[in-house]
């Protein structure tokens, strides 16, 4: 199993991970709108530091139903950088990948999901639903959160919307490299990189 990817929290240096990806996080979010604003500000700061330019030369774009991206204005022209953002509970995480490859990220709070069985069957597929079904109840909540987060990260990496499970999507989803994030207790998260990532 791969070692968890380090998340840079406010005040931390932002290390490069596989495929040149960088992951940042913002804790203590009181509401979704504040979380949205703070993670975007943190992304701008991290991108500006990485590119060695003023944050005003970076535009963040997140149209409805599409994967977000940044446009960085260098002296010799503009470059598009893939982004991914996720929020759950009091945490927000984001990733950017300057090498041009796709990236997906997801964070999930570990909570009890009373209807986990039909949700897993309908969205995660029969194999994952069967794996969850054999787990003891006290382990199932964390396993469900992990499976859900990994699935969401893969979807985001491929630019796909959450939809009911379709077997024909499975090969493309499994082709993404998926790595766990190092997160505080009570949360799980995954980073997904397109198959060309180192």
Protein backbone atom coordinates (compact mmCIF):
# COMPACT_ATOMS: atom_id res chain seq x y z
CA UNK A 1 0.00 0.00 0.00
CA UNK A 2 1.22 3.49 -0.84
CA UNK A 3 2.25 5.83 1.96
CA UNK A 4 -0.31 8.58 2.62
CA UNK A 5 0.22 11.83 0.72
CA UNK A 6 1.22 14.76 2.92
CA UNK A 7 -1.32 17.58 3.07
CA UNK A 8 0.13 21.08 3.53
CA UNK A 9 -1.92 22.94 6.14
CA UNK A 10 -1.82 26.74 6.57
CA UNK A 11 1.76 27.82 7.27
CA UNK A 12 3.31 24.59 5.91
CA UNK A 13 5.57 24.33 2.86
CA UNK A 14 3.75 22.60 0.00
CA UNK A 15 5.78 19.52 -1.00
CA UNK A 16 5.59 17.91 -4.43
CA UNK A 17 4.02 14.47 -4.56
CA UNK A 18 3.72 11.90 -7.37
CA UNK A 19 3.32 13.45 -10.81
CA UNK A 20 4.32 16.85 -9.37
CA UNK A 21 0.98 17.12 -7.59
CA UNK A 22 0.67 19.36 -4.55
CA UNK A 23 -2.03 18.96 -1.90
CA UNK A 24 -3.20 21.65 0.52
CA UNK A 25 -5.79 21.65 3.26
CA UNK A 26 -7.71 24.12 5.37
CA UNK A 27 -9.21 22.96 8.70
CA UNK A 28 -11.88 24.47 10.91
CA UNK A 29 -14.41 25.48 8.26
CA UNK A 30 -17.59 26.85 9.88
CA UNK A 31 -19.76 26.63 6.75
CA UNK A 32 -19.60 25.71 3.07
CA UNK A 33 -19.26 29.28 1.71
CA UNK A 34 -16.38 30.10 4.07
CA UNK A 35 -14.75 26.78 3.17
CA UNK A 36 -15.06 27.61 -0.53
CA UNK A 37 -13.46 31.03 -0.12
CA UNK A 38 -10.64 29.83 2.15
CA UNK A 39 -9.57 26.87 0.04
CA UNK A 40 -9.52 29.02 -3.09
CA UNK A 41 -7.39 31.64 -1.30
CA UNK A 42 -5.03 28.88 -0.14
CA UNK A 43 -4.87 27.49 -3.68
CA UNK A 44 -4.00 30.91 -5.11
CA UNK A 45 -1.25 31.36 -2.51
CA UNK A 46 0.22 27.89 -3.15
CA UNK A 47 0.06 28.27 -6.94
CA UNK A 48 1.68 31.72 -6.79
CA UNK A 49 4.50 30.39 -4.61
CA UNK A 50 4.98 27.38 -6.88
CA UNK A 51 5.06 29.49 -10.06
CA UNK A 52 7.00 32.39 -8.53
CA UNK A 53 4.45 34.99 -9.62
CA UNK A 54 1.94 37.38 -8.10
CA UNK A 55 -1.43 35.76 -7.23
CA UNK A 56 -3.15 38.42 -9.35
CA UNK A 57 -1.75 36.68 -12.44
CA UNK A 58 -3.67 33.49 -11.67
CA UNK A 59 -7.31 32.89 -12.52
CA UNK A 60 -9.27 30.07 -10.89
CA UNK A 61 -12.10 28.59 -12.96
CA UNK A 62 -14.73 26.20 -11.63
CA UNK A 63 -17.73 26.09 -13.95
CA UNK A 64 -20.74 24.03 -12.90
CA UNK A 65 -20.37 20.38 -13.90
CA UNK A 66 -16.71 20.60 -14.96
CA UNK A 67 -13.38 19.95 -13.26
CA UNK A 68 -11.81 23.19 -12.00
CA UNK A 69 -8.58 24.62 -13.42
CA UNK A 70 -6.26 27.58 -13.07
CA UNK A 71 -4.89 29.79 -15.81
CA UNK A 72 -1.46 31.16 -14.94
CA UNK A 73 -0.20 34.17 -16.88
CA UNK A 74 3.55 33.88 -17.34
CA UNK A 75 5.66 36.41 -19.26
CA UNK A 76 5.70 34.12 -22.29
CA UNK A 77 2.01 33.21 -22.27
CA UNK A 78 -0.63 31.40 -20.29
CA UNK A 79 -0.64 27.87 -18.93
CA UNK A 80 -3.58 25.82 -17.72
CA UNK A 81 -3.13 23.83 -14.49
CA UNK A 82 -5.49 21.06 -13.37
CA UNK A 83 -7.13 21.52 -9.96
CA UNK A 84 -9.34 19.44 -7.70
CA UNK A 85 -11.22 20.58 -4.59
CA UNK A 86 -13.25 18.78 -1.92
CA UNK A 87 -15.03 19.72 1.31
CA UNK A 88 -16.60 17.66 4.07
CA UNK A 89 -17.29 18.47 7.69
CA UNK A 90 -14.77 21.08 8.87
CA UNK A 91 -12.08 20.17 6.31
CA UNK A 92 -11.34 21.38 2.81
CA UNK A 93 -8.61 19.92 0.60
CA UNK A 94 -7.34 20.84 -2.84
CA UNK A 95 -4.71 19.63 -5.26
CA UNK A 96 -2.99 21.05 -8.31
CA UNK A 97 -0.90 19.34 -10.91
CA UNK A 98 1.40 21.62 -12.90
CA UNK A 99 2.58 18.94 -15.36
CA UNK A 100 -0.69 19.09 -17.30
CA UNK A 101 -2.08 15.77 -16.10
CA UNK A 102 -5.50 15.30 -14.56
CA UNK A 103 -6.04 15.18 -10.80
CA UNK A 104 -8.96 14.34 -8.51
CA UNK A 105 -9.31 14.67 -4.75
CA UNK A 106 -11.94 13.85 -2.17
CA UNK A 107 -12.27 14.07 1.61
CA UNK A 108 -14.96 12.25 3.61
CA UNK A 109 -15.84 12.50 7.25
CA UNK A 110 -16.29 9.07 8.84
CA UNK A 111 -19.93 8.96 9.89
CA UNK A 112 -22.58 6.30 10.22
CA UNK A 113 -24.51 5.82 6.98
CA UNK A 114 -27.72 3.94 7.88
CA UNK A 115 -28.55 3.17 4.25
CA UNK A 116 -24.97 2.22 3.30
CA UNK A 117 -26.04 -1.01 1.58
CA UNK A 118 -28.27 0.43 -1.20
CA UNK A 119 -25.97 3.45 -1.57
CA UNK A 120 -22.92 1.20 -2.00
CA UNK A 121 -24.75 -1.09 -4.41
CA UNK A 122 -26.14 1.80 -6.49
CA UNK A 123 -23.02 4.00 -6.62
CA UNK A 124 -19.95 1.93 -5.72
CA UNK A 125 -20.89 -1.28 -7.49
CA UNK A 126 -21.57 -4.89 -6.49
CA UNK A 127 -17.95 -5.79 -5.63
CA UNK A 128 -17.51 -2.94 -3.13
CA UNK A 129 -21.00 -3.53 -1.70
CA UNK A 130 -20.11 -7.21 -1.12
CA UNK A 131 -16.78 -6.26 0.52
CA UNK A 132 -18.56 -3.86 2.88
CA UNK A 133 -21.27 -6.41 3.70
CA UNK A 134 -18.81 -8.88 5.25
CA UNK A 135 -17.23 -6.30 7.57
CA UNK A 136 -18.21 -6.03 11.21
CA UNK A 137 -20.48 -3.05 11.85
CA UNK A 138 -17.82 -1.19 13.85
CA UNK A 139 -15.42 -1.23 10.87
CA UNK A 140 -17.97 -0.53 8.16
CA UNK A 141 -18.32 3.26 8.60
CA UNK A 142 -14.60 3.88 7.96
CA UNK A 143 -14.51 1.37 5.09
CA UNK A 144 -17.56 2.97 3.48
CA UNK A 145 -16.01 6.46 3.80
CA UNK A 146 -12.77 5.17 2.25
CA UNK A 147 -14.54 3.49 -0.67
CA UNK A 148 -16.73 6.54 -1.27
CA UNK A 149 -13.81 8.97 -1.14
CA UNK A 150 -11.68 6.87 -3.47
CA UNK A 151 -14.55 6.57 -5.95
CA UNK A 152 -15.23 10.33 -5.89
CA UNK A 153 -11.52 11.14 -6.39
CA UNK A 154 -11.39 8.86 -9.44
CA UNK A 155 -14.54 10.41 -10.90
CA UNK A 156 -13.12 13.91 -10.44
CA UNK A 157 -9.83 12.91 -12.05
CA UNK A 158 -11.71 11.72 -15.13
CA UNK A 159 -14.03 14.73 -15.15
CA UNK A 160 -17.11 12.55 -14.53
CA UNK A 161 -20.17 13.37 -12.45
CA UNK A 162 -21.38 11.08 -9.68
CA UNK A 163 -23.84 8.69 -11.26
CA UNK A 164 -25.20 5.23 -10.59
CA UNK A 165 -22.68 2.41 -11.01
CA UNK A 166 -22.04 1.28 -14.58
CA UNK A 167 -19.68 -1.62 -15.22
CA UNK A 168 -18.43 -0.07 -18.45
CA UNK A 169 -16.89 2.80 -16.45
CA UNK A 170 -14.91 0.49 -14.16
CA UNK A 171 -11.79 0.05 -16.35
CA UNK A 172 -11.30 3.82 -16.75
CA UNK A 173 -11.87 4.42 -13.03
CA UNK A 174 -9.43 1.68 -12.05
CA UNK A 175 -6.80 3.08 -14.43
CA UNK A 176 -6.43 6.13 -12.18
CA UNK A 177 -3.69 5.86 -9.58
CA UNK A 178 -5.36 6.45 -6.20
CA UNK A 179 -3.37 7.40 -3.09
CA UNK A 180 -4.57 7.97 0.49
CA UNK A 181 -4.21 11.39 2.12
CA UNK A 182 -2.75 11.93 5.60
CA UNK A 183 -5.72 13.56 7.36
CA UNK A 184 -6.84 14.19 10.97
CA UNK A 185 -8.70 11.47 12.85
CA UNK A 186 -12.30 11.12 11.75
CA UNK A 187 -11.56 11.83 8.08
CA UNK A 188 -10.34 9.86 5.09
CA UNK A 189 -9.37 11.16 1.71
CA UNK A 190 -7.87 10.15 -1.59
CA UNK A 191 -5.90 11.72 -4.39
CA UNK A 192 -6.41 10.30 -7.89
CA UNK A 193 -3.99 10.84 -10.75
CA UNK A 194 -4.44 9.99 -14.39
CA UNK A 195 -2.66 6.83 -15.48
CA UNK A 196 0.32 8.76 -16.92
CA UNK A 197 1.41 9.95 -13.44
CA UNK A 198 4.79 8.81 -12.14
